[in-house]
Amino acid sequence: MRVALLTTTQHGHLNPYVPAVNALRAAGSEVELLLLSADGGALDERRRQALGEVRVHAVGQVEMAPWSGDPAKIGPMLRSSPVADRTAEVIRATAPDFVLVDSLPVTASAMAGTQASGVPYGMIWANLGGVCPSEHRRGRWAYDEQVGDYLTEHGVLWSKRTHSARSPILNLMPTIAALVGDDAVTDDGVELVGLPGAPGTRGDEVAFPALDRLDPGRPVVYVSFGTIFHRRPDLLRTVITGAAETGAQVIASVGDLAGELALPDTVITAPYLPQREVLERADVFVTHGGYNSVAESIRAGTPMLVIPLAVDQPVQAYFVGRAGFGTALEPADVTGQAVTDAVADLLDPARDYRARLRAAQPQCGDSAARTAELVIGAIETLQRKVEQ
């Protein structure tokens, strides 16, 4: 049995799919990784090692800048992209039994190529956009409409209620009911498979000995805006200093910005941190709302202050607030005092954030293992139909 997984080089997409690839391999499948290079990114050696015996195939390049530019240019860009033809070519050459496609707007050309290949495919998401009602996808309408028009032209199903693609066979959303609740659009074939972020090697692990120096008698606030959106020194400085005003110990992942921030000596910074490990020690997580960060925070039982900066992050902010797992601040509303007040509220045990997160723990599961189980089940069902 051979499965192809199609995704991009972005950390937020590779991180959850490394365990999924390994779960498929552990279940006896051969796996082909079809990779779109985002802004020239590549598969680094550590992640390559974490993937084990997997063949990697480049299917083209995608650029992120156009998705913040003129929406009218998105449709023509997708139609002129060589990615669709290249994807179909690679799929036919590798001859998988099934393709699992990372569903997001920048992979739309690859989705069209997958449809053209004639090989059965399913959709999987690395954010909550695939189940979010369209009224909560603020600011993305014009881009969504361009993507929807392009995909429907190529025979790919499109959900107007969520503004996202669908497979006629398998649609996997790595989340839990405790997070998305009754607001989630799942009655058109989407299955919840548990949260990403379960224990296991992903290739992004780093040492952080400063954790051992923390005062166990004081709360810990962890601040990170991820690997793409951290380059906002003024915002980052305001958030960190506002969190520090609560008297908490602040740990911050700041990329290469440490020299620009002029932070108090009490703040611990590092370019990149072992996030799952830090979250186990943190009492509050201040995050941009990337979905892997949200999922890992839920697994750790750590309340969140979400400051959504772009793309799907407002969707995650909405669901975190809906579930009572944290609160949100719009970037325009961020002041030192606003952050201090929000963090103090999240630290207050009477507010029950941690109690709600603890109650959600039995649902977390292992999205990678469940994904492998469902993909293999779908292939077996398809094969039985052929034999009949």
Protein backbone atom coordinates (compact mmCIF):
# COMPACT_ATOMS: atom_id res chain seq x y z
CA MET A 1 0.00 0.00 0.00
CA ARG A 2 1.45 3.36 -1.04
CA VAL A 3 0.30 6.77 0.21
CA ALA A 4 1.43 10.19 -1.02
CA LEU A 5 1.23 13.17 1.33
CA LEU A 6 1.27 16.61 -0.26
CA THR A 7 2.20 19.66 1.83
CA THR A 8 4.51 22.69 1.97
CA THR A 9 7.91 23.32 3.57
CA GLN A 10 6.43 25.67 6.21
CA HIS A 11 7.12 24.57 9.80
CA GLY A 12 3.43 24.81 10.67
CA HIS A 13 2.71 22.17 8.06
CA LEU A 14 5.73 19.91 8.27
CA ASN A 15 5.52 19.66 12.07
CA PRO A 16 2.13 17.91 12.26
CA TYR A 17 2.74 15.80 9.17
CA VAL A 18 6.04 14.25 10.24
CA PRO A 19 4.17 12.15 12.86
CA ALA A 20 1.44 11.36 10.29
CA VAL A 21 4.03 10.07 7.83
CA ASN A 22 5.65 7.94 10.52
CA ALA A 23 2.28 6.58 11.65
CA LEU A 24 1.49 5.53 8.09
CA ARG A 25 4.86 3.84 7.81
CA ALA A 26 4.40 2.09 11.15
CA ALA A 27 1.08 0.75 9.84
CA GLY A 28 2.87 -0.83 6.87
CA SER A 29 2.42 1.80 4.16
CA GLU A 30 5.06 3.16 1.84
CA VAL A 31 4.95 6.95 1.87
CA GLU A 32 5.88 9.47 -0.81
CA LEU A 33 6.21 13.08 0.38
CA LEU A 34 5.21 15.60 -2.28
CA LEU A 35 6.61 18.94 -1.22
CA LEU A 36 5.84 22.50 -2.30
CA SER A 37 8.66 24.90 -1.48
CA ALA A 38 7.13 27.94 0.24
CA ASP A 39 9.20 31.10 -0.34
CA GLY A 40 12.20 28.99 -1.27
CA GLY A 41 12.07 26.85 1.86
CA ALA A 42 13.56 23.38 1.91
CA LEU A 43 13.31 20.20 3.95
CA ASP A 44 16.10 20.56 6.53
CA GLU A 45 18.26 17.61 7.47
CA ARG A 46 16.80 17.13 10.96
CA ARG A 47 13.27 16.82 9.64
CA ARG A 48 14.54 14.64 6.83
CA GLN A 49 15.96 12.26 9.42
CA ALA A 50 12.73 12.37 11.47
CA LEU A 51 10.83 11.24 8.37
CA GLY A 52 12.90 8.08 8.01
CA GLU A 53 12.65 6.03 4.82
CA VAL A 54 10.41 8.35 2.85
CA ARG A 55 10.96 9.42 -0.75
CA VAL A 56 10.65 13.19 -1.22
CA HIS A 57 9.49 14.75 -4.49
CA ALA A 58 9.52 18.48 -5.30
CA VAL A 59 6.31 19.56 -7.01
CA GLY A 60 7.04 23.27 -7.35
CA GLN A 61 7.27 26.63 -5.65
CA VAL A 62 4.68 28.82 -3.95
CA GLU A 63 5.14 32.41 -2.84
CA MET A 64 3.36 33.79 0.22
CA ALA A 65 3.47 37.53 -0.63
CA PRO A 66 0.69 37.47 -3.27
CA TRP A 67 -1.74 36.22 -0.62
CA SER A 68 -1.45 39.58 1.14
CA GLY A 69 -1.63 41.60 -2.07
CA ASP A 70 -4.34 42.25 -4.67
CA PRO A 71 -6.91 39.42 -4.42
CA ALA A 72 -7.80 39.82 -8.10
CA LYS A 73 -4.35 38.50 -9.02
CA ILE A 74 -4.80 35.18 -7.20
CA GLY A 75 -6.97 33.50 -9.84
CA PRO A 76 -4.65 34.32 -12.78
CA MET A 77 -1.63 33.30 -10.68
CA LEU A 78 -3.16 29.89 -9.93
CA ARG A 79 -4.17 29.34 -13.56
CA SER A 80 -0.68 30.15 -14.85
CA SER A 81 1.18 28.11 -12.23
CA PRO A 82 3.08 25.04 -13.43
CA VAL A 83 2.39 23.33 -10.08
CA ALA A 84 -0.82 21.63 -11.23
CA ASP A 85 0.84 19.88 -14.19
CA ARG A 86 3.93 19.01 -12.17
CA THR A 87 1.84 17.56 -9.33
CA ALA A 88 -0.18 15.38 -11.70
CA GLU A 89 3.04 14.22 -13.35
CA VAL A 90 4.68 13.23 -10.03
CA ILE A 91 1.56 11.45 -8.78
CA ARG A 92 1.25 9.41 -11.95
CA ALA A 93 4.96 8.55 -11.83
CA THR A 94 4.90 7.43 -8.18
CA ALA A 95 1.55 5.63 -8.61
CA PRO A 96 0.24 5.86 -5.01
CA ASP A 97 -2.99 4.17 -4.00
CA PHE A 98 -4.12 7.37 -2.32
CA VAL A 99 -3.03 11.01 -1.96
CA LEU A 100 -3.55 13.00 1.24
CA VAL A 101 -3.56 16.71 0.40
CA ASP A 102 -2.81 19.50 2.88
CA SER A 103 -5.78 21.77 2.25
CA LEU A 104 -4.92 25.45 2.24
CA PRO A 105 -5.18 28.19 -0.41
CA VAL A 106 -1.51 28.09 -1.45
CA THR A 107 -1.81 24.40 -2.36
CA ALA A 108 -4.80 25.00 -4.65
CA SER A 109 -2.79 24.39 -7.86
CA ALA A 110 -1.49 21.14 -6.38
CA MET A 111 -5.08 20.15 -5.52
CA ALA A 112 -6.04 20.70 -9.16
CA GLY A 113 -3.10 18.54 -10.23
CA THR A 114 -4.14 15.82 -7.80
CA GLN A 115 -7.66 15.85 -9.23
CA ALA A 116 -6.25 15.66 -12.76
CA SER A 117 -4.03 12.68 -11.88
CA GLY A 118 -7.06 10.44 -11.47
CA VAL A 119 -5.71 8.97 -8.20
CA PRO A 120 -8.14 8.95 -5.22
CA TYR A 121 -7.38 11.64 -2.67
CA GLY A 122 -8.42 13.01 0.69
CA MET A 123 -8.06 16.37 2.39
CA ILE A 124 -6.39 17.15 5.70
CA TRP A 125 -5.97 20.51 7.41
CA ALA A 126 -3.25 22.16 9.50
CA ASN A 127 -5.66 24.82 10.79
CA LEU A 128 -9.35 25.10 11.68
CA GLY A 129 -10.39 26.80 8.45
CA GLY A 130 -11.90 23.61 7.06
CA VAL A 131 -14.66 23.56 9.71
CA CYS A 132 -15.03 27.27 10.47
CA PRO A 133 -18.32 28.89 9.36
CA SER A 134 -17.59 31.49 6.71
CA GLU A 135 -18.84 34.38 8.86
CA HIS A 136 -15.79 33.92 11.09
CA ARG A 137 -13.27 33.92 8.20
CA ARG A 138 -12.95 37.68 8.28
CA GLY A 139 -10.77 39.47 5.76
CA ARG A 140 -10.33 36.46 3.43
CA TRP A 141 -13.45 36.65 1.25
CA ALA A 142 -11.89 37.89 -1.97
CA TYR A 143 -9.04 35.38 -1.80
CA ASP A 144 -11.41 32.54 -0.93
CA GLU A 145 -13.66 33.31 -3.88
CA GLN A 146 -10.72 33.26 -6.28
CA VAL A 147 -9.56 29.88 -4.92
CA GLY A 148 -13.07 28.46 -4.99
CA ASP A 149 -13.64 29.50 -8.60
CA TYR A 150 -10.30 28.02 -9.65
CA LEU A 151 -10.84 24.69 -7.88
CA THR A 152 -14.41 24.17 -9.07
CA GLU A 153 -13.22 24.81 -12.63
CA HIS A 154 -10.86 21.84 -12.11
CA GLY A 155 -13.47 19.53 -10.60
CA VAL A 156 -12.45 19.90 -6.93
CA LEU A 157 -15.35 20.11 -4.47
CA TRP A 158 -15.73 23.42 -2.66
CA SER A 159 -17.57 24.15 0.59
CA LYS A 160 -19.20 27.56 0.41
CA ARG A 161 -20.07 27.35 4.10
CA THR A 162 -16.41 27.17 5.14
CA HIS A 163 -14.71 28.48 1.99
CA SER A 164 -12.45 25.44 1.76
CA ALA A 165 -11.91 22.41 -0.49
CA ARG A 166 -13.45 19.00 0.09
CA SER A 167 -12.69 15.45 -1.01
CA PRO A 168 -15.52 13.10 -2.00
CA ILE A 169 -13.72 10.31 -0.11
CA LEU A 170 -12.01 11.48 3.09
CA ASN A 171 -11.78 14.81 4.94
CA LEU A 172 -9.73 14.81 8.13
CA MET A 173 -9.74 17.68 10.62
CA PRO A 174 -7.09 17.34 13.38
CA THR A 175 -9.15 18.81 16.19
CA ILE A 176 -11.55 17.90 19.00
CA ALA A 177 -15.15 18.69 19.76
CA ALA A 178 -14.17 20.46 23.00
CA LEU A 179 -12.43 23.11 20.88
CA VAL A 180 -14.75 23.55 17.89
CA GLY A 181 -18.09 22.44 19.39
CA ASP A 182 -21.38 22.77 17.58
CA ASP A 183 -20.08 25.68 15.50
CA ALA A 184 -17.93 23.35 13.40
CA VAL A 185 -19.14 22.53 9.88
CA THR A 186 -18.70 18.75 9.75
CA ASP A 187 -21.96 17.46 8.27
CA ASP A 188 -20.48 17.32 4.75
CA GLY A 189 -18.07 14.49 5.44
CA VAL A 190 -15.44 16.03 7.74
CA GLU A 191 -14.17 13.78 10.54
CA LEU A 192 -12.44 15.05 13.71
CA VAL A 193 -9.31 12.98 14.38
CA GLY A 194 -7.79 14.40 17.58
CA LEU A 195 -5.15 17.04 18.14
CA PRO A 196 -1.68 17.26 16.61
CA GLY A 197 1.28 17.66 18.95
CA ALA A 198 1.35 14.23 20.60
CA PRO A 199 4.75 13.04 21.90
CA GLY A 200 7.18 11.94 19.21
CA THR A 201 10.17 13.17 17.22
CA ARG A 202 9.42 15.84 14.62
CA GLY A 203 12.92 17.11 13.87
CA ASP A 204 12.46 20.52 15.53
CA GLU A 205 13.59 19.59 19.04
CA VAL A 206 16.22 21.83 20.69
CA ALA A 207 17.79 21.94 24.15
CA PHE A 208 16.72 24.68 26.59
CA PRO A 209 18.54 24.27 29.94
CA ALA A 210 17.15 27.58 31.26
CA LEU A 211 13.92 25.76 32.11
CA ASP A 212 15.72 24.19 35.05
CA ARG A 213 16.49 27.64 36.50
CA LEU A 214 12.88 28.78 36.83
CA ASP A 215 11.51 29.65 40.26
CA PRO A 216 8.82 27.04 40.98
CA GLY A 217 7.03 29.51 43.24
CA ARG A 218 6.27 32.02 40.46
CA PRO A 219 3.98 31.67 37.43
CA VAL A 220 5.52 31.31 33.96
CA VAL A 221 4.30 33.12 30.85
CA TYR A 222 5.56 31.86 27.49
CA VAL A 223 5.46 34.21 24.47
CA SER A 224 5.90 33.09 20.88
CA PHE A 225 4.62 34.37 17.54
CA GLY A 226 5.95 31.38 15.62
CA THR A 227 8.66 31.10 12.98
CA ILE A 228 7.06 33.33 10.32
CA PHE A 229 5.18 36.08 12.18
CA HIS A 230 7.68 36.88 14.95
CA ARG A 231 9.31 39.76 13.06
CA ARG A 232 7.25 42.47 14.75
CA PRO A 233 9.68 43.89 17.31
CA ASP A 234 7.44 46.68 18.61
CA LEU A 235 4.49 44.37 19.15
CA LEU A 236 6.68 41.65 20.63
CA ARG A 237 8.33 44.09 23.04
CA THR A 238 4.97 45.45 24.19
CA VAL A 239 3.60 41.96 24.76
CA ILE A 240 6.64 40.70 26.66
CA THR A 241 6.96 43.74 28.91
CA GLY A 242 3.20 43.74 29.55
CA ALA A 243 3.33 40.08 30.58
CA ALA A 244 6.34 40.76 32.82
CA GLU A 245 4.38 43.49 34.66
CA THR A 246 2.22 40.76 36.21
CA GLY A 247 5.30 39.58 38.16
CA ALA A 248 5.42 36.33 36.19
CA GLN A 249 8.59 34.84 34.79
CA VAL A 250 8.52 35.42 31.02
CA ILE A 251 10.10 33.10 28.46
CA ALA A 252 10.01 34.32 24.85
CA SER A 253 10.92 32.83 21.48
CA VAL A 254 12.18 35.82 19.50
CA GLY A 255 14.05 34.51 16.47
CA ASP A 256 16.87 36.92 15.61
CA LEU A 257 15.24 39.92 17.32
CA ALA A 258 16.85 39.70 20.79
CA GLY A 259 19.17 42.63 20.09
CA GLU A 260 16.30 44.89 18.98
CA LEU A 261 13.94 44.33 21.88
CA ALA A 262 15.75 45.92 24.87
CA LEU A 263 13.92 43.70 27.36
CA PRO A 264 14.24 43.54 31.16
CA ASP A 265 17.02 41.26 32.38
CA THR A 266 14.43 39.04 34.05
CA VAL A 267 13.02 37.94 30.67
CA ILE A 268 14.49 34.74 29.25
CA THR A 269 14.74 34.74 25.44
CA ALA A 270 15.95 32.29 22.82
CA PRO A 271 15.80 32.24 19.02
CA TYR A 272 13.78 29.01 19.02
CA LEU A 273 12.40 26.94 21.86
CA PRO A 274 11.23 23.36 22.44
CA GLN A 275 7.63 24.49 22.56
CA ARG A 276 5.95 21.34 23.81
CA GLU A 277 8.43 21.15 26.70
CA VAL A 278 8.07 24.85 27.59
CA LEU A 279 4.27 24.65 27.52
CA GLU A 280 4.36 21.88 30.11
CA ARG A 281 5.94 24.43 32.50
CA ALA A 282 3.98 27.51 31.42
CA ASP A 283 0.92 28.92 33.19
CA VAL A 284 -0.08 31.16 30.26
CA PHE A 285 0.84 31.10 26.57
CA VAL A 286 0.77 34.33 24.54
CA THR A 287 0.56 33.22 20.91
CA HIS A 288 -0.23 34.45 17.40
CA GLY A 289 -2.75 31.62 17.10
CA GLY A 290 -1.01 29.28 14.69
CA TYR A 291 -2.89 26.02 14.91
CA ASN A 292 -0.01 23.82 16.04
CA SER A 293 0.64 26.26 18.88
CA VAL A 294 -3.02 26.22 19.88
CA ALA A 295 -3.19 22.41 19.79
CA GLU A 296 0.02 22.00 21.80
CA SER A 297 -1.24 24.49 24.39
CA ILE A 298 -4.49 22.53 24.79
CA ARG A 299 -2.52 19.30 25.22
CA ALA A 300 -0.42 20.98 27.93
CA GLY A 301 -3.49 22.43 29.65
CA THR A 302 -2.10 25.97 29.28
CA PRO A 303 -4.53 28.89 28.87
CA MET A 304 -3.89 31.16 25.90
CA LEU A 305 -3.87 34.84 25.07
CA VAL A 306 -4.24 34.82 21.27
CA ILE A 307 -3.12 37.85 19.26
CA PRO A 308 -4.04 36.84 15.68
CA LEU A 309 -1.81 38.45 13.08
CA ALA A 310 -2.78 36.99 9.70
CA VAL A 311 -4.42 34.31 7.52
CA ASP A 312 -6.11 31.54 9.57
CA GLN A 313 -5.10 32.87 13.01
CA PRO A 314 -8.38 34.79 13.63
CA VAL A 315 -10.19 31.47 13.09
CA GLN A 316 -8.16 29.83 15.85
CA ALA A 317 -8.66 32.89 18.08
CA TYR A 318 -12.42 32.58 17.62
CA PHE A 319 -12.50 28.89 18.56
CA VAL A 320 -10.18 29.32 21.57
CA GLY A 321 -12.50 31.99 22.94
CA ARG A 322 -15.60 29.92 22.12
CA ALA A 323 -14.22 26.96 24.05
CA GLY A 324 -13.16 29.06 27.05
CA PHE A 325 -9.54 27.95 26.64
CA GLY A 326 -8.30 31.53 26.64
CA THR A 327 -8.98 35.00 25.36
CA ALA A 328 -7.91 37.19 22.44
CA LEU A 329 -6.66 40.68 21.69
CA GLU A 330 -6.66 42.31 18.29
CA PRO A 331 -3.15 43.57 17.35
CA ALA A 332 -4.48 47.13 17.12
CA ASP A 333 -5.72 46.87 20.71
CA VAL A 334 -2.42 45.62 22.16
CA THR A 335 -0.96 47.89 24.82
CA GLY A 336 1.23 47.00 27.75
CA GLN A 337 -1.70 47.45 30.13
CA ALA A 338 -4.07 45.41 27.96
CA VAL A 339 -1.60 42.52 27.96
CA THR A 340 -0.99 42.82 31.71
CA ASP A 341 -4.74 42.70 32.37
CA ALA A 342 -5.33 39.77 30.00
CA VAL A 343 -2.48 37.70 31.42
CA ALA A 344 -3.58 38.44 35.00
CA ASP A 345 -7.06 37.24 34.10
CA LEU A 346 -5.68 34.02 32.61
CA LEU A 347 -3.55 33.43 35.71
CA ASP A 348 -6.57 33.82 38.02
CA PRO A 349 -7.57 30.27 39.14
CA ALA A 350 -11.12 31.46 39.77
CA ARG A 351 -11.60 32.02 36.02
CA ASP A 352 -11.59 28.24 35.34
CA TYR A 353 -9.50 28.28 32.16
CA ARG A 354 -7.36 25.39 33.37
CA ALA A 355 -10.40 23.43 34.52
CA ARG A 356 -11.90 23.59 31.04
CA LEU A 357 -8.59 22.54 29.49
CA ARG A 358 -8.25 19.63 31.92
CA ALA A 359 -11.74 18.48 31.01
CA ALA A 360 -10.73 18.39 27.33
CA GLN A 361 -7.69 16.15 27.85
CA PRO A 362 -9.47 12.80 27.27
CA GLN A 363 -10.43 13.97 23.76
CA CYS A 364 -6.93 14.94 22.61
CA GLY A 365 -5.98 11.54 21.21
CA ASP A 366 -3.29 11.16 18.55
CA SER A 367 -4.27 12.74 15.24
CA ALA A 368 -1.34 11.12 13.41
CA ALA A 369 -2.29 7.58 14.43
CA ARG A 370 -5.98 8.20 13.70
CA THR A 371 -5.11 9.73 10.32
CA ALA A 372 -3.10 6.66 9.36
CA GLU A 373 -5.95 4.38 10.46
CA LEU A 374 -8.55 6.26 8.40
CA VAL A 375 -6.37 6.60 5.29
CA ILE A 376 -5.60 2.89 5.26
CA GLY A 377 -9.27 2.13 5.85
CA ALA A 378 -10.25 4.33 2.89
CA ILE A 379 -7.74 2.58 0.62
CA GLU A 380 -8.99 -0.85 1.66
CA THR A 381 -12.58 0.20 0.96
CA LEU A 382 -11.62 1.51 -2.48
CA GLN A 383 -9.74 -1.69 -3.27
CA ARG A 384 -12.73 -3.84 -2.26
CA LYS A 385 -14.96 -1.84 -4.58
CA VAL A 386 -12.55 -2.44 -7.47
CA GLU A 387 -12.45 -6.17 -6.75
CA GLN A 388 -16.25 -6.36 -6.80
